[in-house]
C-alpha atoms as a PDB file:
ATOM      1  CA  UNK A   1      41.349 -20.957 -41.599  1.00  0.00           C
ATOM      2  CA  UNK A   2      43.441 -23.865 -40.828  1.00  0.00           C
ATOM      3  CA  UNK A   3      46.985 -23.186 -39.765  1.00  0.00           C
ATOM      4  CA  UNK A   4      46.566 -19.450 -38.999  1.00  0.00           C
ATOM      5  CA  UNK A   5      48.504 -18.260 -36.018  1.00  0.00           C
ATOM      6  CA  UNK A   6      47.283 -15.237 -34.063  1.00  0.00           C
ATOM      7  CA  UNK A   7      49.512 -12.918 -32.092  1.00  0.00           C
ATOM      8  CA  UNK A   8      49.018 -13.211 -28.345  1.00  0.00           C
ATOM      9  CA  UNK A   9      47.262 -10.311 -26.628  1.00  0.00           C
ATOM     10  CA  UNK A  10      49.325  -7.420 -25.310  1.00  0.00           C
ATOM     11  CA  UNK A  11      50.413  -7.884 -21.685  1.00  0.00           C
ATOM     12  CA  UNK A  12      47.958  -6.214 -19.263  1.00  0.00           C
ATOM     13  CA  UNK A  13      45.153  -6.092 -21.838  1.00  0.00           C
ATOM     14  CA  UNK A  14      42.594  -7.080 -19.215  1.00  0.00           C
ATOM     15  CA  UNK A  15      43.385  -4.004 -17.080  1.00  0.00           C
ATOM     16  CA  UNK A  16      43.032  -1.377 -19.756  1.00  0.00           C
ATOM     17  CA  UNK A  17      39.760   0.281 -20.710  1.00  0.00           C
ATOM     18  CA  UNK A  18      39.878   2.158 -23.979  1.00  0.00           C
ATOM     19  CA  UNK A  19      39.265   5.911 -23.558  1.00  0.00           C
ATOM     20  CA  UNK A  20      36.154   5.878 -25.744  1.00  0.00           C
ATOM     21  CA  UNK A  21      34.578   3.290 -23.412  1.00  0.00           C
ATOM     22  CA  UNK A  22      35.692   5.090 -20.213  1.00  0.00           C
ATOM     23  CA  UNK A  23      33.336   8.003 -21.069  1.00  0.00           C
ATOM     24  CA  UNK A  24      30.335   5.660 -21.272  1.00  0.00           C
ATOM     25  CA  UNK A  25      31.328   3.856 -18.068  1.00  0.00           C
ATOM     26  CA  UNK A  26      31.429   7.220 -16.229  1.00  0.00           C
ATOM     27  CA  UNK A  27      28.040   8.172 -17.666  1.00  0.00           C
ATOM     28  CA  UNK A  28      26.650   4.841 -16.552  1.00  0.00           C
ATOM     29  CA  UNK A  29      28.017   5.244 -13.059  1.00  0.00           C
ATOM     30  CA  UNK A  30      26.606   8.781 -12.707  1.00  0.00           C
ATOM     31  CA  UNK A  31      23.183   7.672 -13.987  1.00  0.00           C
ATOM     32  CA  UNK A  32      23.168   4.807 -11.495  1.00  0.00           C
ATOM     33  CA  UNK A  33      23.984   7.129  -8.598  1.00  0.00           C
ATOM     34  CA  UNK A  34      21.287   9.580  -9.765  1.00  0.00           C
ATOM     35  CA  UNK A  35      18.650   6.878 -10.086  1.00  0.00           C
ATOM     36  CA  UNK A  36      19.380   5.460  -6.629  1.00  0.00           C
ATOM     37  CA  UNK A  37      19.157   8.945  -5.147  1.00  0.00           C
ATOM     38  CA  UNK A  38      15.882   9.707  -6.912  1.00  0.00           C
ATOM     39  CA  UNK A  39      14.392   6.358  -5.918  1.00  0.00           C
ATOM     40  CA  UNK A  40      15.185   7.040  -2.309  1.00  0.00           C
ATOM     41  CA  UNK A  41      13.715  10.540  -2.454  1.00  0.00           C
ATOM     42  CA  UNK A  42      10.603   9.190  -4.184  1.00  0.00           C
ATOM     43  CA  UNK A  43       9.891   6.903  -1.242  1.00  0.00           C
ATOM     44  CA  UNK A  44       9.694   9.856   1.158  1.00  0.00           C
ATOM     45  CA  UNK A  45       8.390  12.677  -0.990  1.00  0.00           C
ATOM     46  CA  UNK A  46       6.373  11.087  -3.773  1.00  0.00           C
ATOM     47  CA  UNK A  47       2.611  11.700  -4.046  1.00  0.00           C
ATOM     48  CA  UNK A  48       2.159   7.951  -4.559  1.00  0.00           C
ATOM     49  CA  UNK A  49       2.584   7.335  -0.840  1.00  0.00           C
ATOM     50  CA  UNK A  50      -0.567   6.740   1.168  1.00  0.00           C
ATOM     51  CA  UNK A  51      -0.943   9.529   3.732  1.00  0.00           C
ATOM     52  CA  UNK A  52      -0.925   7.443   6.919  1.00  0.00           C
ATOM     53  CA  UNK A  53      -1.062   8.023  10.651  1.00  0.00           C
ATOM     54  CA  UNK A  54      -0.159   5.387  13.220  1.00  0.00           C
ATOM     55  CA  UNK A  55      -0.652   4.317  16.812  1.00  0.00           C
ATOM     56  CA  UNK A  56      -0.372   1.103  18.749  1.00  0.00           C
ATOM     57  CA  UNK A  57      -3.442  -0.701  20.074  1.00  0.00           C
ATOM     58  CA  UNK A  58      -3.900  -4.295  21.014  1.00  0.00           C
ATOM     59  CA  UNK A  59      -6.256  -6.283  18.847  1.00  0.00           C
ATOM     60  CA  UNK A  60      -8.822  -6.275  21.682  1.00  0.00           C
ATOM     61  CA  UNK A  61      -8.573  -2.463  22.120  1.00  0.00           C
ATOM     62  CA  UNK A  62      -8.983  -1.856  18.420  1.00  0.00           C
ATOM     63  CA  UNK A  63     -11.969  -4.269  18.184  1.00  0.00           C
ATOM     64  CA  UNK A  64     -13.562  -2.328  21.044  1.00  0.00           C
ATOM     65  CA  UNK A  65     -13.106   0.982  19.181  1.00  0.00           C
ATOM     66  CA  UNK A  66     -14.669  -0.568  16.060  1.00  0.00           C
ATOM     67  CA  UNK A  67     -17.658  -1.848  18.058  1.00  0.00           C
ATOM     68  CA  UNK A  68     -18.222   1.615  19.622  1.00  0.00           C
ATOM     69  CA  UNK A  69     -18.015   3.199  16.161  1.00  0.00           C
ATOM     70  CA  UNK A  70     -20.550   0.737  14.762  1.00  0.00           C
ATOM     71  CA  UNK A  71     -22.975   1.267  17.635  1.00  0.00           C
ATOM     72  CA  UNK A  72     -22.789   5.005  17.122  1.00  0.00           C
ATOM     73  CA  UNK A  73     -23.287   5.183  13.301  1.00  0.00           C
ATOM     74  CA  UNK A  74     -24.901   1.861  12.283  1.00  0.00           C
ATOM     75  CA  UNK A  75     -27.652   2.177   9.654  1.00  0.00           C
ATOM     76  CA  UNK A  76     -28.017  -1.536   8.747  1.00  0.00           C
ATOM     77  CA  UNK A  77     -26.385  -4.789   9.834  1.00  0.00           C
ATOM     78  CA  UNK A  78     -22.653  -4.570   9.184  1.00  0.00           C
ATOM     79  CA  UNK A  79     -23.042  -1.062   7.620  1.00  0.00           C
ATOM     80  CA  UNK A  80     -22.311   2.427   9.008  1.00  0.00           C
ATOM     81  CA  UNK A  81     -22.831   5.898   7.581  1.00  0.00           C
ATOM     82  CA  UNK A  82     -19.821   7.991   8.499  1.00  0.00           C
ATOM     83  CA  UNK A  83     -20.583  11.692   9.013  1.00  0.00           C
ATOM     84  CA  UNK A  84     -18.223  14.065   7.180  1.00  0.00           C
ATOM     85  CA  UNK A  85     -15.269  14.978   9.344  1.00  0.00           C
ATOM     86  CA  UNK A  86     -15.555  11.870  11.504  1.00  0.00           C
ATOM     87  CA  UNK A  87     -12.987   9.059  11.592  1.00  0.00           C
ATOM     88  CA  UNK A  88     -14.006   5.672  10.278  1.00  0.00           C
ATOM     89  CA  UNK A  89     -12.794   2.265  11.539  1.00  0.00           C
ATOM     90  CA  UNK A  90     -12.207  -0.864   9.520  1.00  0.00           C
ATOM     91  CA  UNK A  91     -11.435  -4.161  11.179  1.00  0.00           C
ATOM     92  CA  UNK A  92      -9.754  -6.992   9.285  1.00  0.00           C
ATOM     93  CA  UNK A  93     -10.228 -10.525  10.564  1.00  0.00           C
ATOM     94  CA  UNK A  94     -10.473 -13.957   8.986  1.00  0.00           C
ATOM     95  CA  UNK A  95     -12.238 -13.650   6.546  1.00  0.00           C
ATOM     96  CA  UNK A  96     -13.929 -10.318   6.358  1.00  0.00           C
ATOM     97  CA  UNK A  97     -13.565  -6.575   6.652  1.00  0.00           C
ATOM     98  CA  UNK A  98     -15.970  -5.038   9.153  1.00  0.00           C
ATOM     99  CA  UNK A  99     -18.007  -2.862   8.863  1.00  0.00           C
ATOM    100  CA  UNK A 100     -19.019  -1.684   5.382  1.00  0.00           C
ATOM    101  CA  UNK A 101     -18.682   2.101   5.191  1.00  0.00           C
ATOM    102  CA  UNK A 102     -20.939   4.688   3.584  1.00  0.00           C
ATOM    103  CA  UNK A 103     -19.002   7.890   2.803  1.00  0.00           C
ATOM    104  CA  UNK A 104     -20.018  11.189   1.205  1.00  0.00           C
ATOM    105  CA  UNK A 105     -18.401  12.211  -2.106  1.00  0.00           C
ATOM    106  CA  UNK A 106     -15.931  15.088  -1.837  1.00  0.00           C
ATOM    107  CA  UNK A 107     -15.493  14.801   1.932  1.00  0.00           C
ATOM    108  CA  UNK A 108     -12.197  13.848   3.583  1.00  0.00           C
ATOM    109  CA  UNK A 109     -12.094  10.950   6.005  1.00  0.00           C
ATOM    110  CA  UNK A 110      -9.438   9.144   7.984  1.00  0.00           C
ATOM    111  CA  UNK A 111     -10.043   5.404   7.887  1.00  0.00           C
ATOM    112  CA  UNK A 112      -8.327   3.673  10.793  1.00  0.00           C
ATOM    113  CA  UNK A 113      -7.628   0.019  10.175  1.00  0.00           C
ATOM    114  CA  UNK A 114      -5.976  -2.950  11.899  1.00  0.00           C
ATOM    115  CA  UNK A 115      -6.258  -6.690  12.157  1.00  0.00           C
ATOM    116  CA  UNK A 116      -7.200  -8.864  15.110  1.00  0.00           C
ATOM    117  CA  UNK A 117      -5.674 -12.160  13.938  1.00  0.00           C
ATOM    118  CA  UNK A 118      -3.065 -12.227  11.148  1.00  0.00           C
ATOM    119  CA  UNK A 119      -1.618  -9.794   8.622  1.00  0.00           C
ATOM    120  CA  UNK A 120      -4.099  -8.717   5.969  1.00  0.00           C
ATOM    121  CA  UNK A 121      -3.615  -6.437   2.976  1.00  0.00           C
ATOM    122  CA  UNK A 122      -6.774  -4.385   2.298  1.00  0.00           C
ATOM    123  CA  UNK A 123      -6.902  -3.252  -1.295  1.00  0.00           C
ATOM    124  CA  UNK A 124      -9.367  -0.728  -2.756  1.00  0.00           C
ATOM    125  CA  UNK A 125      -8.401  -1.096  -6.406  1.00  0.00           C
ATOM    126  CA  UNK A 126     -10.687   1.631  -7.811  1.00  0.00           C
ATOM    127  CA  UNK A 127      -9.134   4.177  -5.444  1.00  0.00           C
ATOM    128  CA  UNK A 128      -5.593   2.809  -6.060  1.00  0.00           C
ATOM    129  CA  UNK A 129      -5.129   2.242  -2.313  1.00  0.00           C
ATOM    130  CA  UNK A 130      -3.427  -0.700  -0.627  1.00  0.00           C
ATOM    131  CA  UNK A 131      -2.194  -0.950   2.934  1.00  0.00           C
ATOM    132  CA  UNK A 132      -1.038  -3.482   5.521  1.00  0.00           C
ATOM    133  CA  UNK A 133      -3.261  -4.384   8.469  1.00  0.00           C
ATOM    134  CA  UNK A 134      -1.100  -5.909  11.215  1.00  0.00           C
ATOM    135  CA  UNK A 135      -2.320  -7.002  14.659  1.00  0.00           C
ATOM    136  CA  UNK A 136      -1.234  -4.529  17.351  1.00  0.00           C
ATOM    137  CA  UNK A 137      -0.557  -1.730  14.833  1.00  0.00           C
ATOM    138  CA  UNK A 138      -3.276   0.688  13.926  1.00  0.00           C
ATOM    139  CA  UNK A 139      -2.899   2.919  10.880  1.00  0.00           C
ATOM    140  CA  UNK A 140      -5.062   5.629   9.418  1.00  0.00           C
ATOM    141  CA  UNK A 141      -5.254   6.489   5.760  1.00  0.00           C
ATOM    142  CA  UNK A 142      -6.702   9.785   4.581  1.00  0.00           C
ATOM    143  CA  UNK A 143      -9.219   9.402   1.761  1.00  0.00           C
ATOM    144  CA  UNK A 144     -11.332  11.889  -0.170  1.00  0.00           C
ATOM    145  CA  UNK A 145     -13.665   9.970  -2.488  1.00  0.00           C
ATOM    146  CA  UNK A 146     -14.288  11.772  -5.793  1.00  0.00           C
ATOM    147  CA  UNK A 147     -16.568   9.286  -7.523  1.00  0.00           C
ATOM    148  CA  UNK A 148     -19.833   7.798  -6.319  1.00  0.00           C
ATOM    149  CA  UNK A 149     -20.294   4.046  -6.388  1.00  0.00           C
ATOM    150  CA  UNK A 150     -19.644   0.875  -4.476  1.00  0.00           C
ATOM    151  CA  UNK A 151     -15.987  -0.055  -4.048  1.00  0.00           C
ATOM    152  CA  UNK A 152     -14.930  -3.519  -3.010  1.00  0.00           C
ATOM    153  CA  UNK A 153     -12.259  -3.999  -0.427  1.00  0.00           C
ATOM    154  CA  UNK A 154     -10.451  -7.290  -0.812  1.00  0.00           C
ATOM    155  CA  UNK A 155      -7.451  -8.927   0.822  1.00  0.00           C
ATOM    156  CA  UNK A 156      -4.153  -9.065  -1.080  1.00  0.00           C
ATOM    157  CA  UNK A 157      -2.275 -11.097   1.544  1.00  0.00           C
ATOM    158  CA  UNK A 158      -2.971 -14.834   1.796  1.00  0.00           C
ATOM    159  CA  UNK A 159      -4.531 -15.229   5.261  1.00  0.00           C
ATOM    160  CA  UNK A 160      -5.859 -18.712   5.268  1.00  0.00           C
ATOM    161  CA  UNK A 161      -8.426 -21.082   3.738  1.00  0.00           C
ATOM    162  CA  UNK A 162     -11.186 -18.396   3.317  1.00  0.00           C
ATOM    163  CA  UNK A 163      -8.889 -15.744   1.879  1.00  0.00           C
ATOM    164  CA  UNK A 164     -10.456 -15.715  -1.588  1.00  0.00           C
ATOM    165  CA  UNK A 165     -13.838 -14.694  -0.115  1.00  0.00           C
ATOM    166  CA  UNK A 166     -12.513 -11.915   2.136  1.00  0.00           C
ATOM    167  CA  UNK A 167     -14.251  -8.716   1.024  1.00  0.00           C
ATOM    168  CA  UNK A 168     -15.754  -5.547   2.373  1.00  0.00           C
ATOM    169  CA  UNK A 169     -17.394  -2.453   0.840  1.00  0.00           C
ATOM    170  CA  UNK A 170     -17.076   1.316   0.762  1.00  0.00           C
ATOM    171  CA  UNK A 171     -20.177   2.982  -0.619  1.00  0.00           C
ATOM    172  CA  UNK A 172     -19.702   6.584  -1.796  1.00  0.00           C
ATOM    173  CA  UNK A 173     -22.872   8.672  -2.138  1.00  0.00           C
ATOM    174  CA  UNK A 174     -23.576  12.259  -3.270  1.00  0.00           C
END
């Protein structure tokens, strides 16, 4: 409407929150505090966390452990059969995971992994597992396979020109 004059806003209008809106602001604030607290607790107590163990080992020391493990349990080139109750070792290096592991269904294993060159991110999609392999840091993930089959391990962290071909295998047998 042309020529209509509006009354100016009441002084201090920008500092007042109507009481009906104050209730919803308090609810929003409390929900935010609750969600931040639950998110923090979920990081430490949630079942989604990979059960890991850690120790430090130089890349050379870890590579030596892997070679001793392979010599002890090797059944074919690049492949080892891990007896139930024994620890397994998985070495990440450009551009492969070594060795391929044969595990028994229903048995619990600790798979120790590390990298000898750059950071890698081994992913076993079918088991919903992903972890970081960092040179100088050795971690162990506890795994109990429940389904037989061959599971690919692939790298989820770009590690160089051959990254797309970086794979390994875990074979689960009855």
